[in-house]
Amino acid sequence: MKKTSTKSNRKNFTNYMIKVLNGMAQGLFASLLIGLILKQIGTLLDISQLIQFGTIAQYLMGPAIGGAVAYSVEAPPLGIFASIVVGAIGAGTFNTVDGAMVVKIGEPVGALIASLVAAETSKFLKGKTKVDIVVLPFSAIVVGGLVGFYIAPFIALFMAFVGTLINRATELQPIPMGIIISTVMGIILTLPISSAALSVSLGLSGIAAGASTVGCATQMVGFAVASYRENGFGGILSQGLGTSMLQIPNIIKNPRIWIPPKVAAAILGPISSAVFRLEGTKVGDGMGTSGLVGQFDAISVM
């Protein structure tokens, strides 16, 4: 009985974390990544409004993640709205420097942690008072804000430290690190967790980001082409420009279909980092060919 209960709890926790990470990924895509696309299109076509829209979208990454995470865990409406505010606090979107308010993109991990705490606080308090309209947002902002202010920065600092090590190691050993980064990030892209969120959190840059872009692209293009006979042109678009996550049920049935994209990533990753020195930034290197974000990102830095 205990074993069954433990397995059930483990499964529930795993499903919960997948929902949270997917929520974070959606918030990230709707703000930071779409902002990059808008800015690149605006720059190419010389449309200043698109550049401005894209810049604003990127700056509002924290609030977008906050709202998306709260929505993913089914927080009440007041909790979702409060989590938008807390997302900005956790990300450090707004700061005061010499008496002036400064806006920056901030850290996604901080936004995730703070907004998740805010959302769960609102869920816990829902219906417990007759003045939910005041208590829920007040409590969510205070509790989530304190977490975002005091705890999230340390976690974000640790993630940035790990990312710096990866970036430095890739510069020193581009071939083995190119293989590792390309293969691992490609696998994470296809799994029901967010490679984009992980990449932004780690702060991958330079040729490490380039290898990550290649690894993610091999998964998406590989599965899109491999499934063309069954899915046709629509399948190429949905997987090549959407997500290779659609293949998860097929991978579970037949894990061998995952071998070719992995091998391609292991081959092309070191070629990217050691030969072509392909670069990228943390914004797009976890996206592969999804919306061509990875390609727009590479163009912006090379």
C-alpha atoms as a PDB file:
ATOM      1  CA  MET A   1       0.000   0.000   0.000  1.00  0.00           C
ATOM      2  CA  LYS A   2       2.830   2.372   0.882  1.00  0.00           C
ATOM      3  CA  LYS A   3       4.626   1.656  -2.394  1.00  0.00           C
ATOM      4  CA  THR A   4       1.489   2.451  -4.396  1.00  0.00           C
ATOM      5  CA  SER A   5       0.980   5.671  -2.430  1.00  0.00           C
ATOM      6  CA  THR A   6       4.611   6.715  -2.950  1.00  0.00           C
ATOM      7  CA  LYS A   7       4.413   6.050  -6.687  1.00  0.00           C
ATOM      8  CA  SER A   8       1.175   8.008  -6.916  1.00  0.00           C
ATOM      9  CA  ASN A   9       2.655  10.972  -5.025  1.00  0.00           C
ATOM     10  CA  ARG A  10       5.731  10.895  -7.217  1.00  0.00           C
ATOM     11  CA  LYS A  11       3.613  10.859 -10.365  1.00  0.00           C
ATOM     12  CA  ASN A  12       1.443  13.709  -9.097  1.00  0.00           C
ATOM     13  CA  PHE A  13       4.506  15.793  -8.256  1.00  0.00           C
ATOM     14  CA  THR A  14       6.035  15.095 -11.684  1.00  0.00           C
ATOM     15  CA  ASN A  15       2.817  16.102 -13.447  1.00  0.00           C
ATOM     16  CA  TYR A  16       2.628  19.227 -11.299  1.00  0.00           C
ATOM     17  CA  MET A  17       6.178  20.285 -12.167  1.00  0.00           C
ATOM     18  CA  ILE A  18       5.574  19.626 -15.864  1.00  0.00           C
ATOM     19  CA  LYS A  19       2.518  21.903 -15.727  1.00  0.00           C
ATOM     20  CA  VAL A  20       4.515  24.605 -13.957  1.00  0.00           C
ATOM     21  CA  LEU A  21       7.430  24.425 -16.411  1.00  0.00           C
ATOM     22  CA  ASN A  22       5.084  24.410 -19.396  1.00  0.00           C
ATOM     23  CA  GLY A  23       3.365  27.469 -17.965  1.00  0.00           C
ATOM     24  CA  MET A  24       6.717  29.171 -17.580  1.00  0.00           C
ATOM     25  CA  ALA A  25       7.612  28.256 -21.178  1.00  0.00           C
ATOM     26  CA  GLN A  26       4.365  29.730 -22.506  1.00  0.00           C
ATOM     27  CA  GLY A  27       4.891  32.964 -20.609  1.00  0.00           C
ATOM     28  CA  LEU A  28       8.462  33.088 -21.853  1.00  0.00           C
ATOM     29  CA  PHE A  29       7.414  32.511 -25.450  1.00  0.00           C
ATOM     30  CA  ALA A  30       4.599  35.073 -25.356  1.00  0.00           C
ATOM     31  CA  SER A  31       6.947  37.795 -24.106  1.00  0.00           C
ATOM     32  CA  LEU A  32      10.707  37.390 -24.466  1.00  0.00           C
ATOM     33  CA  LEU A  33      10.776  35.164 -27.555  1.00  0.00           C
ATOM     34  CA  ILE A  34       7.941  36.807 -29.478  1.00  0.00           C
ATOM     35  CA  GLY A  35       9.576  40.113 -28.602  1.00  0.00           C
ATOM     36  CA  LEU A  36      12.773  38.951 -30.305  1.00  0.00           C
ATOM     37  CA  ILE A  37      10.847  37.994 -33.456  1.00  0.00           C
ATOM     38  CA  LEU A  38       9.041  41.345 -33.528  1.00  0.00           C
ATOM     39  CA  LYS A  39      12.301  43.261 -33.092  1.00  0.00           C
ATOM     40  CA  GLN A  40      14.065  41.320 -35.843  1.00  0.00           C
ATOM     41  CA  ILE A  41      11.184  41.762 -38.295  1.00  0.00           C
ATOM     42  CA  GLY A  42      10.959  45.434 -37.369  1.00  0.00           C
ATOM     43  CA  THR A  43      14.691  45.872 -37.939  1.00  0.00           C
ATOM     44  CA  LEU A  44      14.643  44.042 -41.290  1.00  0.00           C
ATOM     45  CA  LEU A  45      11.600  45.957 -42.573  1.00  0.00           C
ATOM     46  CA  ASP A  46      12.505  49.229 -40.839  1.00  0.00           C
ATOM     47  CA  ILE A  47       9.230  49.381 -38.877  1.00  0.00           C
ATOM     48  CA  SER A  48       9.921  51.246 -35.643  1.00  0.00           C
ATOM     49  CA  GLN A  49       6.583  50.273 -34.071  1.00  0.00           C
ATOM     50  CA  LEU A  50       7.436  46.558 -34.257  1.00  0.00           C
ATOM     51  CA  ILE A  51      10.807  47.216 -32.644  1.00  0.00           C
ATOM     52  CA  GLN A  52       9.077  49.126 -29.845  1.00  0.00           C
ATOM     53  CA  PHE A  53       6.433  46.417 -29.387  1.00  0.00           C
ATOM     54  CA  GLY A  54       9.133  43.748 -29.261  1.00  0.00           C
ATOM     55  CA  THR A  55      11.185  45.662 -26.710  1.00  0.00           C
ATOM     56  CA  ILE A  56       8.163  46.129 -24.433  1.00  0.00           C
ATOM     57  CA  ALA A  57       7.243  42.441 -24.782  1.00  0.00           C
ATOM     58  CA  GLN A  58      10.738  41.411 -23.701  1.00  0.00           C
ATOM     59  CA  TYR A  59      10.755  43.753 -20.705  1.00  0.00           C
ATOM     60  CA  LEU A  60       7.461  42.236 -19.532  1.00  0.00           C
ATOM     61  CA  MET A  61       8.827  38.689 -19.403  1.00  0.00           C
ATOM     62  CA  GLY A  62       8.529  38.539 -15.599  1.00  0.00           C
ATOM     63  CA  PRO A  63       4.832  39.486 -15.441  1.00  0.00           C
ATOM     64  CA  ALA A  64       4.059  37.154 -18.371  1.00  0.00           C
ATOM     65  CA  ILE A  65       5.724  34.211 -16.617  1.00  0.00           C
ATOM     66  CA  GLY A  66       3.917  35.095 -13.397  1.00  0.00           C
ATOM     67  CA  GLY A  67       0.504  35.028 -15.033  1.00  0.00           C
ATOM     68  CA  ALA A  68       1.257  31.898 -17.054  1.00  0.00           C
ATOM     69  CA  VAL A  69       2.541  29.940 -14.048  1.00  0.00           C
ATOM     70  CA  ALA A  70      -0.459  30.916 -11.923  1.00  0.00           C
ATOM     71  CA  TYR A  71      -2.826  29.934 -14.726  1.00  0.00           C
ATOM     72  CA  SER A  72      -1.071  26.575 -15.192  1.00  0.00           C
ATOM     73  CA  VAL A  73      -1.627  25.614 -11.535  1.00  0.00           C
ATOM     74  CA  GLU A  74      -5.271  26.735 -11.730  1.00  0.00           C
ATOM     75  CA  ALA A  75      -4.995  29.640  -9.320  1.00  0.00           C
ATOM     76  CA  PRO A  76      -8.164  31.731  -8.823  1.00  0.00           C
ATOM     77  CA  PRO A  77      -8.480  34.859 -11.008  1.00  0.00           C
ATOM     78  CA  LEU A  78      -7.355  37.199  -8.216  1.00  0.00           C
ATOM     79  CA  GLY A  79      -4.354  34.931  -7.643  1.00  0.00           C
ATOM     80  CA  ILE A  80      -3.444  35.065 -11.332  1.00  0.00           C
ATOM     81  CA  PHE A  81      -3.616  38.856 -11.426  1.00  0.00           C
ATOM     82  CA  ALA A  82      -1.540  39.130  -8.247  1.00  0.00           C
ATOM     83  CA  SER A  83       0.983  36.649  -9.652  1.00  0.00           C
ATOM     84  CA  ILE A  84       1.502  38.948 -12.634  1.00  0.00           C
ATOM     85  CA  VAL A  85       2.683  41.613 -10.189  1.00  0.00           C
ATOM     86  CA  VAL A  86       4.787  39.106  -8.242  1.00  0.00           C
ATOM     87  CA  GLY A  87       6.364  37.850 -11.479  1.00  0.00           C
ATOM     88  CA  ALA A  88       7.769  41.341 -12.015  1.00  0.00           C
ATOM     89  CA  ILE A  89       9.069  41.427  -8.430  1.00  0.00           C
ATOM     90  CA  GLY A  90      10.695  37.995  -8.678  1.00  0.00           C
ATOM     91  CA  ALA A  91      12.282  38.742 -12.035  1.00  0.00           C
ATOM     92  CA  GLY A  92      13.585  42.099 -10.830  1.00  0.00           C
ATOM     93  CA  THR A  93      11.870  43.831 -13.751  1.00  0.00           C
ATOM     94  CA  PHE A  94      11.744  47.183 -11.961  1.00  0.00           C
ATOM     95  CA  ASN A  95      14.592  48.605  -9.896  1.00  0.00           C
ATOM     96  CA  THR A  96      15.358  51.992  -8.408  1.00  0.00           C
ATOM     97  CA  VAL A  97      18.808  53.374  -9.233  1.00  0.00           C
ATOM     98  CA  ASP A  98      19.746  56.811  -7.875  1.00  0.00           C
ATOM     99  CA  GLY A  99      16.089  57.640  -7.377  1.00  0.00           C
ATOM    100  CA  ALA A 100      15.127  56.716 -10.942  1.00  0.00           C
ATOM    101  CA  MET A 101      13.067  53.688 -11.966  1.00  0.00           C
ATOM    102  CA  VAL A 102      14.997  51.334 -14.242  1.00  0.00           C
ATOM    103  CA  VAL A 103      13.328  48.590 -16.280  1.00  0.00           C
ATOM    104  CA  LYS A 104      15.130  45.411 -17.374  1.00  0.00           C
ATOM    105  CA  ILE A 105      14.208  41.963 -18.680  1.00  0.00           C
ATOM    106  CA  GLY A 106      15.163  40.281 -15.412  1.00  0.00           C
ATOM    107  CA  GLU A 107      15.546  36.635 -14.413  1.00  0.00           C
ATOM    108  CA  PRO A 108      12.976  33.965 -15.360  1.00  0.00           C
ATOM    109  CA  VAL A 109      13.798  31.662 -12.433  1.00  0.00           C
ATOM    110  CA  GLY A 110      13.016  34.387  -9.931  1.00  0.00           C
ATOM    111  CA  ALA A 111       9.723  35.091 -11.685  1.00  0.00           C
ATOM    112  CA  LEU A 112       8.855  31.384 -11.683  1.00  0.00           C
ATOM    113  CA  ILE A 113       9.539  30.776  -7.994  1.00  0.00           C
ATOM    114  CA  ALA A 114       7.927  33.958  -6.688  1.00  0.00           C
ATOM    115  CA  SER A 115       4.797  33.667  -8.824  1.00  0.00           C
ATOM    116  CA  LEU A 116       4.365  29.973  -7.991  1.00  0.00           C
ATOM    117  CA  VAL A 117       4.416  30.789  -4.270  1.00  0.00           C
ATOM    118  CA  ALA A 118       1.952  33.625  -4.857  1.00  0.00           C
ATOM    119  CA  ALA A 119      -0.369  31.371  -6.848  1.00  0.00           C
ATOM    120  CA  GLU A 120      -0.333  28.614  -4.237  1.00  0.00           C
ATOM    121  CA  THR A 121      -0.937  31.176  -1.488  1.00  0.00           C
ATOM    122  CA  SER A 122      -4.039  32.425  -3.286  1.00  0.00           C
ATOM    123  CA  LYS A 123      -5.265  28.844  -3.808  1.00  0.00           C
ATOM    124  CA  PHE A 124      -4.811  28.090  -0.114  1.00  0.00           C
ATOM    125  CA  LEU A 125      -6.726  31.188   1.020  1.00  0.00           C
ATOM    126  CA  LYS A 126      -9.516  31.033  -1.561  1.00  0.00           C
ATOM    127  CA  GLY A 127     -12.932  30.888   0.099  1.00  0.00           C
ATOM    128  CA  LYS A 128     -11.546  31.125   3.630  1.00  0.00           C
ATOM    129  CA  THR A 129     -12.681  34.718   4.171  1.00  0.00           C
ATOM    130  CA  LYS A 130     -15.602  36.914   3.169  1.00  0.00           C
ATOM    131  CA  VAL A 131     -13.234  39.517   1.763  1.00  0.00           C
ATOM    132  CA  ASP A 132     -11.280  37.415  -0.732  1.00  0.00           C
ATOM    133  CA  ILE A 133     -11.121  40.382  -3.093  1.00  0.00           C
ATOM    134  CA  VAL A 134      -8.720  42.044  -0.630  1.00  0.00           C
ATOM    135  CA  VAL A 135      -7.119  39.124   1.207  1.00  0.00           C
ATOM    136  CA  LEU A 136      -6.147  37.006  -1.823  1.00  0.00           C
ATOM    137  CA  PRO A 137      -4.178  39.582  -3.843  1.00  0.00           C
ATOM    138  CA  PHE A 138      -2.749  41.215  -0.707  1.00  0.00           C
ATOM    139  CA  SER A 139      -1.450  37.923   0.706  1.00  0.00           C
ATOM    140  CA  ALA A 140      -0.235  36.639  -2.658  1.00  0.00           C
ATOM    141  CA  ILE A 141       1.741  39.800  -3.387  1.00  0.00           C
ATOM    142  CA  VAL A 142       3.249  40.017   0.112  1.00  0.00           C
ATOM    143  CA  VAL A 143       4.223  36.332   0.425  1.00  0.00           C
ATOM    144  CA  GLY A 144       5.296  35.913  -3.193  1.00  0.00           C
ATOM    145  CA  GLY A 145       7.035  39.281  -3.166  1.00  0.00           C
ATOM    146  CA  LEU A 146       9.104  38.372  -0.098  1.00  0.00           C
ATOM    147  CA  VAL A 147      10.148  35.098  -1.728  1.00  0.00           C
ATOM    148  CA  GLY A 148      11.009  36.917  -4.933  1.00  0.00           C
ATOM    149  CA  PHE A 149      12.958  39.566  -3.064  1.00  0.00           C
ATOM    150  CA  TYR A 150      14.972  37.376  -0.701  1.00  0.00           C
ATOM    151  CA  ILE A 151      15.127  33.794  -2.029  1.00  0.00           C
ATOM    152  CA  ALA A 152      14.778  33.822  -5.811  1.00  0.00           C
ATOM    153  CA  PRO A 153      17.942  35.921  -6.406  1.00  0.00           C
ATOM    154  CA  PHE A 154      20.135  33.230  -4.826  1.00  0.00           C
ATOM    155  CA  ILE A 155      18.665  30.501  -7.030  1.00  0.00           C
ATOM    156  CA  ALA A 156      19.028  32.717 -10.091  1.00  0.00           C
ATOM    157  CA  LEU A 157      22.647  33.384  -9.083  1.00  0.00           C
ATOM    158  CA  PHE A 158      23.338  29.649  -8.857  1.00  0.00           C
ATOM    159  CA  MET A 159      21.793  29.032 -12.296  1.00  0.00           C
ATOM    160  CA  ALA A 160      23.863  31.859 -13.753  1.00  0.00           C
ATOM    161  CA  PHE A 161      27.013  30.374 -12.170  1.00  0.00           C
ATOM    162  CA  VAL A 162      26.313  26.988 -13.774  1.00  0.00           C
ATOM    163  CA  GLY A 163      25.636  28.702 -17.096  1.00  0.00           C
ATOM    164  CA  THR A 164      28.936  30.593 -16.875  1.00  0.00           C
ATOM    165  CA  LEU A 165      30.788  27.320 -16.279  1.00  0.00           C
ATOM    166  CA  ILE A 166      29.116  25.773 -19.332  1.00  0.00           C
ATOM    167  CA  ASN A 167      29.927  28.794 -21.510  1.00  0.00           C
ATOM    168  CA  ARG A 168      33.558  28.808 -20.368  1.00  0.00           C
ATOM    169  CA  ALA A 169      33.983  25.056 -20.761  1.00  0.00           C
ATOM    170  CA  THR A 170      32.604  25.245 -24.303  1.00  0.00           C
ATOM    171  CA  GLU A 171      35.131  27.927 -25.220  1.00  0.00           C
ATOM    172  CA  LEU A 172      37.984  25.777 -23.872  1.00  0.00           C
ATOM    173  CA  GLN A 173      36.732  22.404 -25.185  1.00  0.00           C
ATOM    174  CA  PRO A 174      34.327  23.119 -28.067  1.00  0.00           C
ATOM    175  CA  ILE A 175      34.187  19.573 -29.456  1.00  0.00           C
ATOM    176  CA  PRO A 176      33.170  17.511 -26.388  1.00  0.00           C
ATOM    177  CA  MET A 177      31.036  20.329 -24.978  1.00  0.00           C
ATOM    178  CA  GLY A 178      29.430  20.832 -28.381  1.00  0.00           C
ATOM    179  CA  ILE A 179      28.403  17.168 -28.374  1.00  0.00           C
ATOM    180  CA  ILE A 180      27.059  17.306 -24.816  1.00  0.00           C
ATOM    181  CA  ILE A 181      25.153  20.594 -25.105  1.00  0.00           C
ATOM    182  CA  SER A 182      23.667  19.831 -28.511  1.00  0.00           C
ATOM    183  CA  THR A 183      22.504  16.355 -27.517  1.00  0.00           C
ATOM    184  CA  VAL A 184      21.191  17.229 -24.049  1.00  0.00           C
ATOM    185  CA  MET A 185      19.341  20.402 -25.082  1.00  0.00           C
ATOM    186  CA  GLY A 186      17.805  18.552 -28.031  1.00  0.00           C
ATOM    187  CA  ILE A 187      16.528  15.836 -25.708  1.00  0.00           C
ATOM    188  CA  ILE A 188      15.116  18.410 -23.271  1.00  0.00           C
ATOM    189  CA  LEU A 189      13.370  20.203 -26.157  1.00  0.00           C
ATOM    190  CA  THR A 190      11.449  17.044 -27.070  1.00  0.00           C
ATOM    191  CA  LEU A 191      10.599  16.114 -23.478  1.00  0.00           C
ATOM    192  CA  PRO A 192       7.552  17.771 -21.848  1.00  0.00           C
ATOM    193  CA  ILE A 193       9.750  20.361 -20.129  1.00  0.00           C
ATOM    194  CA  SER A 194      11.046  23.667 -21.430  1.00  0.00           C
ATOM    195  CA  SER A 195      14.472  23.864 -23.046  1.00  0.00           C
ATOM    196  CA  ALA A 196      13.851  27.579 -23.638  1.00  0.00           C
ATOM    197  CA  ALA A 197      13.229  28.215 -19.949  1.00  0.00           C
ATOM    198  CA  LEU A 198      16.322  26.212 -18.988  1.00  0.00           C
ATOM    199  CA  SER A 199      18.459  28.064 -21.517  1.00  0.00           C
ATOM    200  CA  VAL A 200      17.334  31.497 -20.346  1.00  0.00           C
ATOM    201  CA  SER A 201      17.815  30.489 -16.709  1.00  0.00           C
ATOM    202  CA  LEU A 202      21.356  29.256 -17.355  1.00  0.00           C
ATOM    203  CA  GLY A 203      22.204  32.266 -19.488  1.00  0.00           C
ATOM    204  CA  LEU A 204      23.889  30.301 -22.275  1.00  0.00           C
ATOM    205  CA  SER A 205      25.745  32.498 -24.741  1.00  0.00           C
ATOM    206  CA  GLY A 206      28.330  32.419 -27.516  1.00  0.00           C
ATOM    207  CA  ILE A 207      29.168  29.074 -29.103  1.00  0.00           C
ATOM    208  CA  ALA A 208      27.479  27.188 -26.248  1.00  0.00           C
ATOM    209  CA  ALA A 209      24.205  28.838 -27.247  1.00  0.00           C
ATOM    210  CA  GLY A 210      24.959  28.049 -30.883  1.00  0.00           C
ATOM    211  CA  ALA A 211      25.425  24.348 -30.103  1.00  0.00           C
ATOM    212  CA  SER A 212      22.160  24.387 -28.167  1.00  0.00           C
ATOM    213  CA  THR A 213      20.335  25.918 -31.136  1.00  0.00           C
ATOM    214  CA  VAL A 214      21.707  23.225 -33.441  1.00  0.00           C
ATOM    215  CA  GLY A 215      20.756  20.411 -31.058  1.00  0.00           C
ATOM    216  CA  CYS A 216      17.194  21.656 -30.743  1.00  0.00           C
ATOM    217  CA  ALA A 217      16.916  22.192 -34.500  1.00  0.00           C
ATOM    218  CA  THR A 218      18.067  18.633 -35.290  1.00  0.00           C
ATOM    219  CA  GLN A 219      15.265  17.227 -33.141  1.00  0.00           C
ATOM    220  CA  MET A 220      12.580  19.346 -34.772  1.00  0.00           C
ATOM    221  CA  VAL A 221      13.741  19.043 -38.368  1.00  0.00           C
ATOM    222  CA  GLY A 222      14.632  15.374 -37.915  1.00  0.00           C
ATOM    223  CA  PHE A 223      11.209  14.357 -36.620  1.00  0.00           C
ATOM    224  CA  ALA A 224       9.432  16.620 -39.127  1.00  0.00           C
ATOM    225  CA  VAL A 225      11.176  14.976 -42.092  1.00  0.00           C
ATOM    226  CA  ALA A 226      10.981  11.442 -40.669  1.00  0.00           C
ATOM    227  CA  SER A 227       7.218  11.678 -40.194  1.00  0.00           C
ATOM    228  CA  TYR A 228       6.470  13.331 -43.553  1.00  0.00           C
ATOM    229  CA  ARG A 229       5.091  10.123 -45.082  1.00  0.00           C
ATOM    230  CA  GLU A 230       2.479   9.809 -42.320  1.00  0.00           C
ATOM    231  CA  ASN A 231       1.786  13.471 -41.511  1.00  0.00           C
ATOM    232  CA  GLY A 232       2.419  15.255 -44.797  1.00  0.00           C
ATOM    233  CA  PHE A 233       3.264  18.939 -45.139  1.00  0.00           C
ATOM    234  CA  GLY A 234       1.158  19.855 -42.118  1.00  0.00           C
ATOM    235  CA  GLY A 235       3.331  17.595 -39.982  1.00  0.00           C
ATOM    236  CA  ILE A 236       6.461  19.326 -41.228  1.00  0.00           C
ATOM    237  CA  LEU A 237       5.052  22.700 -40.206  1.00  0.00           C
ATOM    238  CA  SER A 238       3.718  21.557 -36.821  1.00  0.00           C
ATOM    239  CA  GLN A 239       6.981  19.845 -35.847  1.00  0.00           C
ATOM    240  CA  GLY A 240       9.558  21.794 -37.841  1.00  0.00           C
ATOM    241  CA  LEU A 241       8.220  25.220 -36.860  1.00  0.00           C
ATOM    242  CA  GLY A 242       6.198  24.170 -33.812  1.00  0.00           C
ATOM    243  CA  THR A 243       7.534  21.515 -31.454  1.00  0.00           C
ATOM    244  CA  SER A 244       8.943  18.001 -31.638  1.00  0.00           C
ATOM    245  CA  MET A 245       7.175  17.326 -28.331  1.00  0.00           C
ATOM    246  CA  LEU A 246       4.330  15.990 -30.487  1.00  0.00           C
ATOM    247  CA  GLN A 247       6.430  12.851 -30.959  1.00  0.00           C
ATOM    248  CA  ILE A 248       6.482  11.912 -27.254  1.00  0.00           C
ATOM    249  CA  PRO A 249       3.704   9.265 -27.575  1.00  0.00           C
ATOM    250  CA  ASN A 250       5.532   7.670 -30.523  1.00  0.00           C
ATOM    251  CA  ILE A 251       8.862   7.757 -28.677  1.00  0.00           C
ATOM    252  CA  ILE A 252       7.287   5.953 -25.732  1.00  0.00           C
ATOM    253  CA  LYS A 253       5.954   3.266 -28.087  1.00  0.00           C
ATOM    254  CA  ASN A 254       9.211   2.947 -30.030  1.00  0.00           C
ATOM    255  CA  PRO A 255      12.251   4.666 -28.426  1.00  0.00           C
ATOM    256  CA  ARG A 256      14.435   3.760 -31.420  1.00  0.00           C
ATOM    257  CA  ILE A 257      12.925   6.564 -33.509  1.00  0.00           C
ATOM    258  CA  TRP A 258      14.759   8.981 -31.192  1.00  0.00           C
ATOM    259  CA  ILE A 259      18.184   7.650 -32.193  1.00  0.00           C
ATOM    260  CA  PRO A 260      18.645   9.489 -35.561  1.00  0.00           C
ATOM    261  CA  PRO A 261      17.961  13.011 -34.179  1.00  0.00           C
ATOM    262  CA  LYS A 262      20.274  12.333 -31.231  1.00  0.00           C
ATOM    263  CA  VAL A 263      23.052  11.109 -33.520  1.00  0.00           C
ATOM    264  CA  ALA A 264      22.560  14.124 -35.790  1.00  0.00           C
ATOM    265  CA  ALA A 265      22.802  16.442 -32.773  1.00  0.00           C
ATOM    266  CA  ALA A 266      25.980  14.717 -31.550  1.00  0.00           C
ATOM    267  CA  ILE A 267      27.567  15.130 -35.004  1.00  0.00           C
ATOM    268  CA  LEU A 268      26.448  18.676 -35.778  1.00  0.00           C
ATOM    269  CA  GLY A 269      26.951  20.123 -32.280  1.00  0.00           C
ATOM    270  CA  PRO A 270      30.773  20.053 -32.356  1.00  0.00           C
ATOM    271  CA  ILE A 271      30.792  21.148 -36.009  1.00  0.00           C
ATOM    272  CA  SER A 272      28.752  24.162 -34.948  1.00  0.00           C
ATOM    273  CA  SER A 273      30.978  25.043 -31.976  1.00  0.00           C
ATOM    274  CA  ALA A 274      34.428  24.096 -33.311  1.00  0.00           C
ATOM    275  CA  VAL A 275      34.186  24.707 -37.080  1.00  0.00           C
ATOM    276  CA  PHE A 276      31.536  27.328 -37.823  1.00  0.00           C
ATOM    277  CA  ARG A 277      31.665  28.945 -34.348  1.00  0.00           C
ATOM    278  CA  LEU A 278      27.920  29.504 -34.522  1.00  0.00           C
ATOM    279  CA  GLU A 279      26.783  31.858 -31.769  1.00  0.00           C
ATOM    280  CA  GLY A 280      23.509  32.664 -30.088  1.00  0.00           C
ATOM    281  CA  THR A 281      22.054  34.071 -26.895  1.00  0.00           C
ATOM    282  CA  LYS A 282      19.999  32.708 -24.035  1.00  0.00           C
ATOM    283  CA  VAL A 283      16.860  34.131 -25.635  1.00  0.00           C
ATOM    284  CA  GLY A 284      16.619  31.824 -28.635  1.00  0.00           C
ATOM    285  CA  ASP A 285      19.037  28.928 -28.292  1.00  0.00           C
ATOM    286  CA  GLY A 286      16.526  26.663 -26.554  1.00  0.00           C
ATOM    287  CA  MET A 287      13.925  27.100 -29.303  1.00  0.00           C
ATOM    288  CA  GLY A 288      15.560  25.399 -32.292  1.00  0.00           C
ATOM    289  CA  THR A 289      13.460  26.148 -35.386  1.00  0.00           C
ATOM    290  CA  SER A 290      10.266  26.880 -33.419  1.00  0.00           C
ATOM    291  CA  GLY A 291       8.944  30.051 -34.994  1.00  0.00           C
ATOM    292  CA  LEU A 292      12.483  30.427 -36.392  1.00  0.00           C
ATOM    293  CA  VAL A 293      13.356  32.064 -33.067  1.00  0.00           C
ATOM    294  CA  GLY A 294      16.753  30.341 -32.904  1.00  0.00           C
ATOM    295  CA  GLN A 295      17.611  31.537 -36.391  1.00  0.00           C
ATOM    296  CA  PHE A 296      16.510  35.112 -35.719  1.00  0.00           C
ATOM    297  CA  ASP A 297      18.556  35.000 -32.531  1.00  0.00           C
ATOM    298  CA  ALA A 298      21.690  33.800 -34.341  1.00  0.00           C
ATOM    299  CA  ILE A 299      21.279  36.510 -36.983  1.00  0.00           C
ATOM    300  CA  SER A 300      21.024  39.164 -34.277  1.00  0.00           C
ATOM    301  CA  VAL A 301      24.437  38.308 -32.765  1.00  0.00           C
ATOM    302  CA  MET A 302      26.537  37.226 -35.766  1.00  0.00           C
END
